[in-house]
Amino acid sequence: MNALLDELFSLEGKVALVTGASSGIGKGMAQTLALAGAAVVLVARNEAALQEVASGIEKRAGRAAVLACDLSIRERVFACAEEASRFYGDIDILVNCAGINLRPPVEQIDERVWDQTMAINLDAPFFLSQALAPAMRRKKWGRIIHVASQQSVRAFGNSGAYGVSKGGIASMTRSFAEAWSADGVTCNAIAPAYVNTPLAAPVFNDPQKAAWGASRTMIGRNSEVDDLRGVTIFLASRASGYMTGQVVFVDGGFSAK
């Protein structure tokens, strides 16, 4: 049984790049991939926070490198893709998790809010994937994992730019899957419900909003980062080799209710 589990789920010998790895969902996904055996390149703006995450991974015998990068700047995205392989070699697993949600009402979304949201939430995943996929295709193996949202398929108040960007992530997932899956590079996305992270602080700091989110699930509670660990390993591993182009809702039944 252990041999089968290793064959399906072990990430030994794989190299992963995780954006948004300094906190929240990205941090949890990076830690999970490292525990499964991958060497992980951690990407975010806050280098000190990344170093703390890397130290925690190394204390558990994992391997982690830090690559500070502001993904809102197009040139830095390209530089990040170029620099990523200098730590452990070519990237096998790309997790696009970095994101922002500035939350103005639609009529108050200005060019700054729109451009920053699209740059981080949509442009960076596109150009990182485009830059890193060729090496995966040459090896006939790769995994691209996006973090989508409930707003990939439904509208929430005061979140118009974010919702548009996450709708784009769902479409991008299908486009990449169509383009590269025949070469062994799959692309899927994870759509959580309300996850207790710094990005969702405006929700969790409001007891009524947090209670509403929990009531919308079938399980009866909001999500924690740990709820995404299993699907992270699955989508990054050999176990998901025949799954591509999908948005996987890991949301306690939120989307089904």
C-alpha atoms as a PDB file:
ATOM      1  CA  MET A   1       0.000   0.000   0.000  1.00  0.00           C
ATOM      2  CA  ASN A   2       2.791   2.441   0.852  1.00  0.00           C
ATOM      3  CA  ALA A   3       4.410   1.796  -2.525  1.00  0.00           C
ATOM      4  CA  LEU A   4       1.133   2.612  -4.256  1.00  0.00           C
ATOM      5  CA  LEU A   5       0.695   5.797  -2.235  1.00  0.00           C
ATOM      6  CA  ASP A   6       4.242   6.852  -3.062  1.00  0.00           C
ATOM      7  CA  GLU A   7       3.687   6.157  -6.737  1.00  0.00           C
ATOM      8  CA  LEU A   8       0.506   8.238  -6.776  1.00  0.00           C
ATOM      9  CA  PHE A   9       1.209  11.071  -4.366  1.00  0.00           C
ATOM     10  CA  SER A  10       4.927  11.451  -3.669  1.00  0.00           C
ATOM     11  CA  LEU A  11       6.498  14.640  -5.024  1.00  0.00           C
ATOM     12  CA  GLU A  12      10.090  13.569  -4.426  1.00  0.00           C
ATOM     13  CA  GLY A  13      12.280  14.911  -7.194  1.00  0.00           C
ATOM     14  CA  LYS A  14       9.761  17.570  -8.230  1.00  0.00           C
ATOM     15  CA  VAL A  15      10.252  21.324  -8.044  1.00  0.00           C
ATOM     16  CA  ALA A  16       7.324  23.616  -7.265  1.00  0.00           C
ATOM     17  CA  LEU A  17       6.919  27.375  -7.503  1.00  0.00           C
ATOM     18  CA  VAL A  18       4.174  28.894  -5.349  1.00  0.00           C
ATOM     19  CA  THR A  19       3.128  32.532  -5.607  1.00  0.00           C
ATOM     20  CA  GLY A  20       1.528  34.253  -2.651  1.00  0.00           C
ATOM     21  CA  ALA A  21       3.545  31.911  -0.450  1.00  0.00           C
ATOM     22  CA  SER A  22       4.161  34.369   2.389  1.00  0.00           C
ATOM     23  CA  SER A  23       0.745  33.880   4.028  1.00  0.00           C
ATOM     24  CA  GLY A  24      -2.700  32.339   3.812  1.00  0.00           C
ATOM     25  CA  ILE A  25      -3.583  29.754   1.194  1.00  0.00           C
ATOM     26  CA  GLY A  26      -0.291  30.098  -0.688  1.00  0.00           C
ATOM     27  CA  LYS A  27       1.738  29.500   2.455  1.00  0.00           C
ATOM     28  CA  GLY A  28      -0.325  26.420   3.297  1.00  0.00           C
ATOM     29  CA  MET A  29      -0.011  25.017  -0.212  1.00  0.00           C
ATOM     30  CA  ALA A  30       3.756  25.571  -0.238  1.00  0.00           C
ATOM     31  CA  GLN A  31       4.134  23.814   3.111  1.00  0.00           C
ATOM     32  CA  THR A  32       2.007  20.911   1.875  1.00  0.00           C
ATOM     33  CA  LEU A  33       4.014  20.445  -1.318  1.00  0.00           C
ATOM     34  CA  ALA A  34       7.241  20.476   0.686  1.00  0.00           C
ATOM     35  CA  LEU A  35       5.905  17.840   3.086  1.00  0.00           C
ATOM     36  CA  ALA A  36       5.071  15.673   0.070  1.00  0.00           C
ATOM     37  CA  GLY A  37       8.711  15.869  -1.027  1.00  0.00           C
ATOM     38  CA  ALA A  38       8.894  18.752  -3.506  1.00  0.00           C
ATOM     39  CA  ALA A  39      11.574  21.401  -3.403  1.00  0.00           C
ATOM     40  CA  VAL A  40       9.640  24.669  -3.247  1.00  0.00           C
ATOM     41  CA  VAL A  41      10.430  28.139  -4.567  1.00  0.00           C
ATOM     42  CA  LEU A  42       8.451  30.645  -2.502  1.00  0.00           C
ATOM     43  CA  VAL A  43       7.340  33.830  -4.277  1.00  0.00           C
ATOM     44  CA  ALA A  44       5.764  36.977  -2.814  1.00  0.00           C
ATOM     45  CA  ARG A  45       6.663  40.606  -2.190  1.00  0.00           C
ATOM     46  CA  ASN A  46       7.532  40.311   1.511  1.00  0.00           C
ATOM     47  CA  GLU A  47      10.982  38.718   1.675  1.00  0.00           C
ATOM     48  CA  ALA A  48      11.087  38.574   5.480  1.00  0.00           C
ATOM     49  CA  ALA A  49       7.777  36.697   5.593  1.00  0.00           C
ATOM     50  CA  LEU A  50       9.006  34.314   2.894  1.00  0.00           C
ATOM     51  CA  GLN A  51      12.168  33.628   4.874  1.00  0.00           C
ATOM     52  CA  GLU A  52      10.028  32.701   7.870  1.00  0.00           C
ATOM     53  CA  VAL A  53       7.992  30.266   5.781  1.00  0.00           C
ATOM     54  CA  ALA A  54      11.179  28.788   4.319  1.00  0.00           C
ATOM     55  CA  SER A  55      12.681  28.314   7.787  1.00  0.00           C
ATOM     56  CA  GLY A  56       9.574  26.469   8.919  1.00  0.00           C
ATOM     57  CA  ILE A  57       9.757  24.150   5.925  1.00  0.00           C
ATOM     58  CA  GLU A  58      13.458  23.479   6.466  1.00  0.00           C
ATOM     59  CA  LYS A  59      12.859  22.654  10.141  1.00  0.00           C
ATOM     60  CA  ARG A  60      10.661  19.788   8.900  1.00  0.00           C
ATOM     61  CA  ALA A  61      13.445  18.547   6.598  1.00  0.00           C
ATOM     62  CA  GLY A  62      11.971  20.179   3.510  1.00  0.00           C
ATOM     63  CA  ARG A  63      13.682  22.313   0.907  1.00  0.00           C
ATOM     64  CA  ALA A  64      12.596  25.874   0.230  1.00  0.00           C
ATOM     65  CA  ALA A  65      14.091  28.883  -1.537  1.00  0.00           C
ATOM     66  CA  VAL A  66      12.936  32.493  -1.414  1.00  0.00           C
ATOM     67  CA  LEU A  67      12.312  34.654  -4.486  1.00  0.00           C
ATOM     68  CA  ALA A  68      10.944  38.087  -3.564  1.00  0.00           C
ATOM     69  CA  CYS A  69       8.916  39.486  -6.445  1.00  0.00           C
ATOM     70  CA  ASP A  70       6.248  42.129  -6.960  1.00  0.00           C
ATOM     71  CA  LEU A  71       3.896  40.361  -9.358  1.00  0.00           C
ATOM     72  CA  SER A  72       2.031  43.572 -10.119  1.00  0.00           C
ATOM     73  CA  ILE A  73       5.017  44.643 -12.245  1.00  0.00           C
ATOM     74  CA  ARG A  74       5.104  42.836 -15.597  1.00  0.00           C
ATOM     75  CA  GLU A  75       8.904  42.952 -15.890  1.00  0.00           C
ATOM     76  CA  ARG A  76       9.281  41.344 -12.464  1.00  0.00           C
ATOM     77  CA  VAL A  77       6.963  38.517 -13.483  1.00  0.00           C
ATOM     78  CA  PHE A  78       9.209  37.708 -16.423  1.00  0.00           C
ATOM     79  CA  ALA A  79      12.317  38.000 -14.223  1.00  0.00           C
ATOM     80  CA  CYS A  80      10.752  35.701 -11.619  1.00  0.00           C
ATOM     81  CA  ALA A  81      10.083  33.047 -14.261  1.00  0.00           C
ATOM     82  CA  GLU A  82      13.671  33.307 -15.472  1.00  0.00           C
ATOM     83  CA  GLU A  83      15.223  33.237 -12.001  1.00  0.00           C
ATOM     84  CA  ALA A  84      13.087  30.421 -10.563  1.00  0.00           C
ATOM     85  CA  SER A  85      15.094  27.554 -12.048  1.00  0.00           C
ATOM     86  CA  ARG A  86      18.418  28.646 -10.542  1.00  0.00           C
ATOM     87  CA  PHE A  87      17.535  27.147  -7.157  1.00  0.00           C
ATOM     88  CA  TYR A  88      16.571  23.529  -7.870  1.00  0.00           C
ATOM     89  CA  GLY A  89      16.248  23.299 -11.657  1.00  0.00           C
ATOM     90  CA  ASP A  90      13.237  23.555 -13.942  1.00  0.00           C
ATOM     91  CA  ILE A  91       9.828  24.032 -12.365  1.00  0.00           C
ATOM     92  CA  ASP A  92       7.534  20.982 -12.499  1.00  0.00           C
ATOM     93  CA  ILE A  93       4.610  22.359 -10.500  1.00  0.00           C
ATOM     94  CA  LEU A  94       3.360  25.945 -10.689  1.00  0.00           C
ATOM     95  CA  VAL A  95       0.819  27.169  -8.137  1.00  0.00           C
ATOM     96  CA  ASN A  96      -0.645  30.582  -8.952  1.00  0.00           C
ATOM     97  CA  CYS A  97      -2.085  31.696  -5.634  1.00  0.00           C
ATOM     98  CA  ALA A  98      -1.107  35.365  -5.221  1.00  0.00           C
ATOM     99  CA  GLY A  99      -4.137  37.629  -5.272  1.00  0.00           C
ATOM    100  CA  ILE A 100      -5.716  40.834  -4.028  1.00  0.00           C
ATOM    101  CA  ASN A 101      -9.312  41.867  -3.424  1.00  0.00           C
ATOM    102  CA  LEU A 102      -9.653  45.627  -2.945  1.00  0.00           C
ATOM    103  CA  ARG A 103     -13.487  45.523  -2.625  1.00  0.00           C
ATOM    104  CA  PRO A 104     -14.795  48.907  -3.838  1.00  0.00           C
ATOM    105  CA  PRO A 105     -18.358  49.068  -5.193  1.00  0.00           C
ATOM    106  CA  VAL A 106     -18.428  48.612  -8.962  1.00  0.00           C
ATOM    107  CA  GLU A 107     -19.183  52.286  -9.605  1.00  0.00           C
ATOM    108  CA  GLN A 108     -16.080  53.250  -7.593  1.00  0.00           C
ATOM    109  CA  ILE A 109     -13.605  50.962  -9.367  1.00  0.00           C
ATOM    110  CA  ASP A 110     -11.006  53.250 -10.879  1.00  0.00           C
ATOM    111  CA  GLU A 111      -8.125  52.510 -13.219  1.00  0.00           C
ATOM    112  CA  ARG A 112      -5.694  51.914 -10.356  1.00  0.00           C
ATOM    113  CA  VAL A 113      -7.912  49.293  -8.692  1.00  0.00           C
ATOM    114  CA  TRP A 114      -8.704  47.613 -12.004  1.00  0.00           C
ATOM    115  CA  ASP A 115      -5.110  47.532 -13.269  1.00  0.00           C
ATOM    116  CA  GLN A 116      -3.621  46.306  -9.991  1.00  0.00           C
ATOM    117  CA  THR A 117      -6.256  43.591  -9.617  1.00  0.00           C
ATOM    118  CA  MET A 118      -5.798  42.286 -13.142  1.00  0.00           C
ATOM    119  CA  ALA A 119      -2.002  42.509 -12.974  1.00  0.00           C
ATOM    120  CA  ILE A 120      -1.739  40.322  -9.872  1.00  0.00           C
ATOM    121  CA  ASN A 121      -4.792  38.064 -10.188  1.00  0.00           C
ATOM    122  CA  LEU A 122      -4.830  37.433 -13.940  1.00  0.00           C
ATOM    123  CA  ASP A 123      -1.769  38.724 -15.800  1.00  0.00           C
ATOM    124  CA  ALA A 124       0.845  37.190 -13.482  1.00  0.00           C
ATOM    125  CA  PRO A 125      -0.669  33.662 -13.625  1.00  0.00           C
ATOM    126  CA  PHE A 126      -0.910  33.895 -17.401  1.00  0.00           C
ATOM    127  CA  PHE A 127       2.643  35.022 -18.055  1.00  0.00           C
ATOM    128  CA  LEU A 128       4.244  32.789 -15.399  1.00  0.00           C
ATOM    129  CA  SER A 129       2.447  29.776 -16.842  1.00  0.00           C
ATOM    130  CA  GLN A 130       3.354  30.739 -20.393  1.00  0.00           C
ATOM    131  CA  ALA A 131       7.023  31.134 -19.414  1.00  0.00           C
ATOM    132  CA  LEU A 132       7.338  27.937 -17.365  1.00  0.00           C
ATOM    133  CA  ALA A 133       5.223  25.564 -19.465  1.00  0.00           C
ATOM    134  CA  PRO A 134       7.828  24.975 -22.225  1.00  0.00           C
ATOM    135  CA  ALA A 135      10.222  23.209 -19.835  1.00  0.00           C
ATOM    136  CA  MET A 136       7.347  21.093 -18.523  1.00  0.00           C
ATOM    137  CA  ARG A 137       6.337  20.189 -22.061  1.00  0.00           C
ATOM    138  CA  ARG A 138       9.877  19.137 -22.951  1.00  0.00           C
ATOM    139  CA  LYS A 139       9.834  16.732 -20.005  1.00  0.00           C
ATOM    140  CA  LYS A 140       6.286  15.589 -20.847  1.00  0.00           C
ATOM    141  CA  TRP A 141       5.203  16.264 -17.258  1.00  0.00           C
ATOM    142  CA  GLY A 142       3.909  19.307 -15.453  1.00  0.00           C
ATOM    143  CA  ARG A 143       1.197  20.599 -13.187  1.00  0.00           C
ATOM    144  CA  ILE A 144      -0.290  24.092 -13.215  1.00  0.00           C
ATOM    145  CA  ILE A 145      -2.671  24.856 -10.363  1.00  0.00           C
ATOM    146  CA  HIS A 146      -4.597  28.111 -10.169  1.00  0.00           C
ATOM    147  CA  VAL A 147      -6.563  29.372  -7.183  1.00  0.00           C
ATOM    148  CA  ALA A 148     -10.016  30.331  -8.409  1.00  0.00           C
ATOM    149  CA  SER A 149     -12.952  31.517  -6.306  1.00  0.00           C
ATOM    150  CA  GLN A 150     -16.669  31.248  -5.792  1.00  0.00           C
ATOM    151  CA  GLN A 151     -16.618  34.482  -7.779  1.00  0.00           C
ATOM    152  CA  SER A 152     -15.371  32.558 -10.792  1.00  0.00           C
ATOM    153  CA  VAL A 153     -19.020  31.565 -11.256  1.00  0.00           C
ATOM    154  CA  ARG A 154     -21.146  33.970  -9.147  1.00  0.00           C
ATOM    155  CA  ALA A 155     -21.252  37.647  -8.203  1.00  0.00           C
ATOM    156  CA  PHE A 156     -20.539  38.962  -4.710  1.00  0.00           C
ATOM    157  CA  GLY A 157     -21.149  42.557  -3.640  1.00  0.00           C
ATOM    158  CA  ASN A 158     -18.336  45.116  -3.695  1.00  0.00           C
ATOM    159  CA  SER A 159     -15.978  42.734  -5.440  1.00  0.00           C
ATOM    160  CA  GLY A 160     -16.437  43.391  -9.129  1.00  0.00           C
ATOM    161  CA  ALA A 161     -12.822  43.620 -10.286  1.00  0.00           C
ATOM    162  CA  TYR A 162     -11.839  40.590  -8.224  1.00  0.00           C
ATOM    163  CA  GLY A 163     -14.776  38.612  -9.602  1.00  0.00           C
ATOM    164  CA  VAL A 164     -13.837  39.451 -13.184  1.00  0.00           C
ATOM    165  CA  SER A 165     -10.251  38.345 -12.559  1.00  0.00           C
ATOM    166  CA  LYS A 166     -11.366  35.049 -11.037  1.00  0.00           C
ATOM    167  CA  GLY A 167     -13.771  34.410 -13.879  1.00  0.00           C
ATOM    168  CA  GLY A 168     -10.746  34.838 -16.110  1.00  0.00           C
ATOM    169  CA  ILE A 169      -8.822  32.301 -14.045  1.00  0.00           C
ATOM    170  CA  ALA A 170     -11.508  29.672 -14.703  1.00  0.00           C
ATOM    171  CA  SER A 171     -11.328  30.355 -18.443  1.00  0.00           C
ATOM    172  CA  MET A 172      -7.528  30.408 -18.392  1.00  0.00           C
ATOM    173  CA  THR A 173      -7.540  27.003 -16.706  1.00  0.00           C
ATOM    174  CA  ARG A 174      -9.486  25.523 -19.611  1.00  0.00           C
ATOM    175  CA  SER A 175      -7.357  27.295 -22.217  1.00  0.00           C
ATOM    176  CA  PHE A 176      -4.068  26.039 -20.798  1.00  0.00           C
ATOM    177  CA  ALA A 177      -5.482  22.541 -20.411  1.00  0.00           C
ATOM    178  CA  GLU A 178      -6.519  22.489 -24.057  1.00  0.00           C
ATOM    179  CA  ALA A 179      -3.136  23.781 -25.195  1.00  0.00           C
ATOM    180  CA  TRP A 180      -0.752  21.656 -23.144  1.00  0.00           C
ATOM    181  CA  SER A 181      -2.409  18.544 -21.704  1.00  0.00           C
ATOM    182  CA  ALA A 182      -1.457  16.353 -24.663  1.00  0.00           C
ATOM    183  CA  ASP A 183       2.163  17.074 -23.731  1.00  0.00           C
ATOM    184  CA  GLY A 184       1.654  15.879 -20.154  1.00  0.00           C
ATOM    185  CA  VAL A 185       1.079  19.319 -18.625  1.00  0.00           C
ATOM    186  CA  THR A 186      -2.278  19.464 -16.856  1.00  0.00           C
ATOM    187  CA  CYS A 187      -3.964  22.604 -15.592  1.00  0.00           C
ATOM    188  CA  ASN A 188      -6.649  22.730 -12.926  1.00  0.00           C
ATOM    189  CA  ALA A 189      -7.947  25.257 -10.416  1.00  0.00           C
ATOM    190  CA  ILE A 190      -9.107  25.117  -6.816  1.00  0.00           C
ATOM    191  CA  ALA A 191     -12.145  27.175  -5.784  1.00  0.00           C
ATOM    192  CA  PRO A 192     -12.475  27.515  -2.005  1.00  0.00           C
ATOM    193  CA  ALA A 193     -15.322  29.034  -0.030  1.00  0.00           C
ATOM    194  CA  TYR A 194     -14.526  31.602   2.680  1.00  0.00           C
ATOM    195  CA  VAL A 195     -11.066  30.669   3.960  1.00  0.00           C
ATOM    196  CA  ASN A 196      -9.791  32.221   7.192  1.00  0.00           C
ATOM    197  CA  THR A 197      -6.798  34.116   5.796  1.00  0.00           C
ATOM    198  CA  PRO A 198      -5.550  37.725   5.799  1.00  0.00           C
ATOM    199  CA  LEU A 199      -7.138  38.256   2.356  1.00  0.00           C
ATOM    200  CA  ALA A 200     -10.546  37.382   3.828  1.00  0.00           C
ATOM    201  CA  ALA A 201     -10.118  39.527   6.952  1.00  0.00           C
ATOM    202  CA  PRO A 202     -12.971  41.889   5.938  1.00  0.00           C
ATOM    203  CA  VAL A 203     -15.282  38.878   6.090  1.00  0.00           C
ATOM    204  CA  PHE A 204     -13.970  37.251   9.249  1.00  0.00           C
ATOM    205  CA  ASN A 205     -13.753  40.569  11.107  1.00  0.00           C
ATOM    206  CA  ASP A 206     -17.521  40.924  10.644  1.00  0.00           C
ATOM    207  CA  PRO A 207     -19.345  38.253  12.708  1.00  0.00           C
ATOM    208  CA  GLN A 208     -22.477  38.532  10.571  1.00  0.00           C
ATOM    209  CA  LYS A 209     -20.603  38.007   7.312  1.00  0.00           C
ATOM    210  CA  ALA A 210     -18.617  35.104   8.762  1.00  0.00           C
ATOM    211  CA  ALA A 211     -21.804  33.480  10.060  1.00  0.00           C
ATOM    212  CA  TRP A 212     -23.478  33.915   6.671  1.00  0.00           C
ATOM    213  CA  GLY A 213     -20.536  32.242   4.936  1.00  0.00           C
ATOM    214  CA  ALA A 214     -20.664  29.288   7.311  1.00  0.00           C
ATOM    215  CA  SER A 215     -24.440  28.962   6.877  1.00  0.00           C
ATOM    216  CA  ARG A 216     -24.055  28.768   3.088  1.00  0.00           C
ATOM    217  CA  THR A 217     -21.998  25.581   3.367  1.00  0.00           C
ATOM    218  CA  MET A 218     -23.384  22.091   3.870  1.00  0.00           C
ATOM    219  CA  ILE A 219     -20.723  21.271   6.439  1.00  0.00           C
ATOM    220  CA  GLY A 220     -21.716  24.245   8.563  1.00  0.00           C
ATOM    221  CA  ARG A 221     -18.438  26.096   8.992  1.00  0.00           C
ATOM    222  CA  ASN A 222     -16.059  28.304   7.081  1.00  0.00           C
ATOM    223  CA  SER A 223     -12.836  26.899   5.704  1.00  0.00           C
ATOM    224  CA  GLU A 224      -9.340  26.783   7.129  1.00  0.00           C
ATOM    225  CA  VAL A 225      -6.174  26.593   5.057  1.00  0.00           C
ATOM    226  CA  ASP A 226      -5.684  22.970   6.135  1.00  0.00           C
ATOM    227  CA  ASP A 227      -8.875  22.024   4.279  1.00  0.00           C
ATOM    228  CA  LEU A 228      -6.979  22.542   1.000  1.00  0.00           C
ATOM    229  CA  ARG A 229      -3.983  20.335   1.752  1.00  0.00           C
ATOM    230  CA  GLY A 230      -5.372  17.113   0.278  1.00  0.00           C
ATOM    231  CA  VAL A 231      -6.520  18.624  -3.013  1.00  0.00           C
ATOM    232  CA  THR A 232      -3.181  20.403  -3.342  1.00  0.00           C
ATOM    233  CA  ILE A 233      -1.235  17.150  -3.206  1.00  0.00           C
ATOM    234  CA  PHE A 234      -3.728  15.434  -5.505  1.00  0.00           C
ATOM    235  CA  LEU A 235      -3.578  18.072  -8.238  1.00  0.00           C
ATOM    236  CA  ALA A 236       0.222  18.335  -8.003  1.00  0.00           C
ATOM    237  CA  SER A 237       0.878  14.600  -8.130  1.00  0.00           C
ATOM    238  CA  ARG A 238       0.684  11.669 -10.532  1.00  0.00           C
ATOM    239  CA  ALA A 239      -2.698  10.784  -9.015  1.00  0.00           C
ATOM    240  CA  SER A 240      -4.414  13.525 -11.043  1.00  0.00           C
ATOM    241  CA  GLY A 241      -2.716  12.699 -14.332  1.00  0.00           C
ATOM    242  CA  TYR A 242      -5.983  12.221 -16.243  1.00  0.00           C
ATOM    243  CA  MET A 243      -7.680  15.290 -14.790  1.00  0.00           C
ATOM    244  CA  THR A 244      -7.319  18.630 -16.542  1.00  0.00           C
ATOM    245  CA  GLY A 245      -9.250  21.801 -17.342  1.00  0.00           C
ATOM    246  CA  GLN A 246     -11.304  21.544 -14.158  1.00  0.00           C
ATOM    247  CA  VAL A 247     -12.253  24.008 -11.438  1.00  0.00           C
ATOM    248  CA  VAL A 248     -12.479  21.918  -8.269  1.00  0.00           C
ATOM    249  CA  PHE A 249     -14.778  23.398  -5.629  1.00  0.00           C
ATOM    250  CA  VAL A 250     -13.376  22.613  -2.175  1.00  0.00           C
ATOM    251  CA  ASP A 251     -15.969  24.615  -0.317  1.00  0.00           C
ATOM    252  CA  GLY A 252     -17.891  22.505   2.177  1.00  0.00           C
ATOM    253  CA  GLY A 253     -20.813  22.350  -0.243  1.00  0.00           C
ATOM    254  CA  PHE A 254     -21.116  26.145  -0.654  1.00  0.00           C
ATOM    255  CA  SER A 255     -21.424  25.910  -4.442  1.00  0.00           C
ATOM    256  CA  ALA A 256     -23.900  23.027  -4.313  1.00  0.00           C
ATOM    257  CA  LYS A 257     -26.384  24.565  -1.893  1.00  0.00           C
END
